[in-house]
């Protein structure tokens, strides 16, 4: 088997609604509430990738080991805007061989990378 591409990013959270607000209101991910069973979730297709946050109980204090990278038009401007909104900045904007990068944290402690590829 050879994996071809990432087709979904799924987050489970005991604070699903707050996490969905963060991704929608702070990062501009077009999440909408959906119900296909007993618990709500928030989902969208984002540039061909299914992105969803599922409400799950009993996850408080669970270890985290997940990160997401979003390409943005201007890393520095994005970090400045998020800082004004009180978002935790984990890595200040910096140049890397593969472009400009910064990292923030969502309300559940997941690391989110903000990335801009170098001009070609």
Protein backbone atom coordinates (compact mmCIF):
# COMPACT_ATOMS: atom_id res chain seq x y z
CA UNK A 1 0.00 0.00 0.00
CA UNK A 2 1.20 3.50 -0.82
CA UNK A 3 -0.60 6.41 0.81
CA UNK A 4 -1.36 9.08 -1.79
CA UNK A 5 -2.29 12.16 0.25
CA UNK A 6 -3.86 13.34 3.48
CA UNK A 7 -7.62 13.44 3.02
CA UNK A 8 -8.85 14.27 6.52
CA UNK A 9 -7.84 15.92 9.79
CA UNK A 10 -10.08 14.88 12.68
CA UNK A 11 -9.82 16.32 16.17
CA UNK A 12 -11.58 14.92 19.24
CA UNK A 13 -12.20 17.36 22.08
CA UNK A 14 -14.21 17.56 25.28
CA UNK A 15 -14.58 21.27 24.37
CA UNK A 16 -15.64 20.79 20.77
CA UNK A 17 -17.68 23.96 20.42
CA UNK A 18 -14.91 26.18 21.84
CA UNK A 19 -12.34 24.48 19.63
CA UNK A 20 -14.56 24.92 16.55
CA UNK A 21 -14.98 28.64 17.36
CA UNK A 22 -11.20 28.99 17.58
CA UNK A 23 -10.56 27.40 14.18
CA UNK A 24 -13.50 29.23 12.56
CA UNK A 25 -13.14 32.68 14.17
CA UNK A 26 -9.36 32.91 14.62
CA UNK A 27 -8.03 30.92 11.65
CA UNK A 28 -10.88 31.32 9.16
CA UNK A 29 -11.59 27.60 8.68
CA UNK A 30 -15.20 27.46 7.39
CA UNK A 31 -16.55 24.98 9.97
CA UNK A 32 -20.27 24.35 10.28
CA UNK A 33 -22.09 22.37 12.95
CA UNK A 34 -23.37 18.98 11.86
CA UNK A 35 -25.23 16.18 13.63
CA UNK A 36 -25.11 12.65 12.30
CA UNK A 37 -25.72 10.94 15.61
CA UNK A 38 -26.02 11.85 19.25
CA UNK A 39 -23.03 14.18 19.57
CA UNK A 40 -22.43 17.33 17.50
CA UNK A 41 -19.39 17.87 15.36
CA UNK A 42 -18.13 20.74 13.25
CA UNK A 43 -16.82 20.03 9.77
CA UNK A 44 -15.92 21.37 6.34
CA UNK A 45 -13.95 20.57 3.26
CA UNK A 46 -10.90 22.79 3.28
CA UNK A 47 -8.98 22.78 -0.01
CA UNK A 48 -10.06 19.18 -0.62
CA UNK A 49 -9.32 17.91 2.90
CA UNK A 50 -12.11 16.98 5.29
CA UNK A 51 -11.50 18.86 8.55
CA UNK A 52 -13.69 17.99 11.54
CA UNK A 53 -13.87 18.51 15.29
CA UNK A 54 -15.84 15.91 17.22
CA UNK A 55 -17.28 16.46 20.68
CA UNK A 56 -16.01 13.65 22.92
CA UNK A 57 -16.41 13.45 26.66
CA UNK A 58 -13.72 12.21 29.05
CA UNK A 59 -10.71 13.69 27.24
CA UNK A 60 -9.77 16.27 29.89
CA UNK A 61 -6.06 16.00 30.64
CA UNK A 62 -5.46 13.44 27.90
CA UNK A 63 -2.00 13.64 26.33
CA UNK A 64 -1.78 15.55 23.05
CA UNK A 65 0.40 14.64 20.12
CA UNK A 66 -1.07 16.28 17.06
CA UNK A 67 -0.20 19.26 14.92
CA UNK A 68 -1.65 20.84 11.80
CA UNK A 69 0.01 23.14 9.29
CA UNK A 70 -1.92 25.83 7.43
CA UNK A 71 -0.44 27.84 4.58
CA UNK A 72 -1.10 31.56 5.06
CA UNK A 73 -0.41 34.57 2.85
CA UNK A 74 1.64 36.43 5.50
CA UNK A 75 2.98 34.59 8.54
CA UNK A 76 3.98 37.73 10.42
CA UNK A 77 0.60 39.43 9.91
CA UNK A 78 -1.24 36.26 10.95
CA UNK A 79 0.80 35.97 14.16
CA UNK A 80 0.26 39.66 14.98
CA UNK A 81 -3.50 39.28 14.55
CA UNK A 82 -3.63 36.10 16.63
CA UNK A 83 -1.46 37.64 19.37
CA UNK A 84 -3.91 40.57 19.63
CA UNK A 85 -6.69 37.99 20.07
CA UNK A 86 -4.82 36.36 22.97
CA UNK A 87 -3.72 33.20 21.14
CA UNK A 88 -0.62 31.47 22.55
CA UNK A 89 2.39 31.86 20.26
CA UNK A 90 4.65 28.80 20.52
CA UNK A 91 7.21 29.74 17.86
CA UNK A 92 7.74 33.29 16.65
CA UNK A 93 7.90 33.79 12.86
CA UNK A 94 11.19 32.70 11.38
CA UNK A 95 12.72 31.81 8.05
CA UNK A 96 13.39 28.16 7.35
CA UNK A 97 14.78 26.49 4.20
CA UNK A 98 11.20 25.60 3.21
CA UNK A 99 9.70 29.05 3.86
CA UNK A 100 8.50 31.25 6.70
CA UNK A 101 7.07 29.46 9.74
CA UNK A 102 5.45 30.22 13.08
CA UNK A 103 3.52 28.05 15.53
CA UNK A 104 0.57 28.72 17.79
CA UNK A 105 -1.54 26.63 20.15
CA UNK A 106 -5.27 25.94 19.97
CA UNK A 107 -7.44 25.85 23.13
CA UNK A 108 -6.77 22.10 23.58
CA UNK A 109 -3.00 22.56 23.41
CA UNK A 110 -2.56 21.24 19.86
CA UNK A 111 0.25 22.89 17.91
CA UNK A 112 -0.73 24.68 14.71
CA UNK A 113 1.96 25.70 12.25
CA UNK A 114 1.44 28.74 10.04
CA UNK A 115 3.56 28.44 6.92
CA UNK A 116 4.35 30.37 3.78
CA UNK A 117 6.37 28.72 1.02
CA UNK A 118 9.23 30.79 -0.45
CA UNK A 119 8.60 32.65 -3.71
CA UNK A 120 9.64 30.59 -6.68
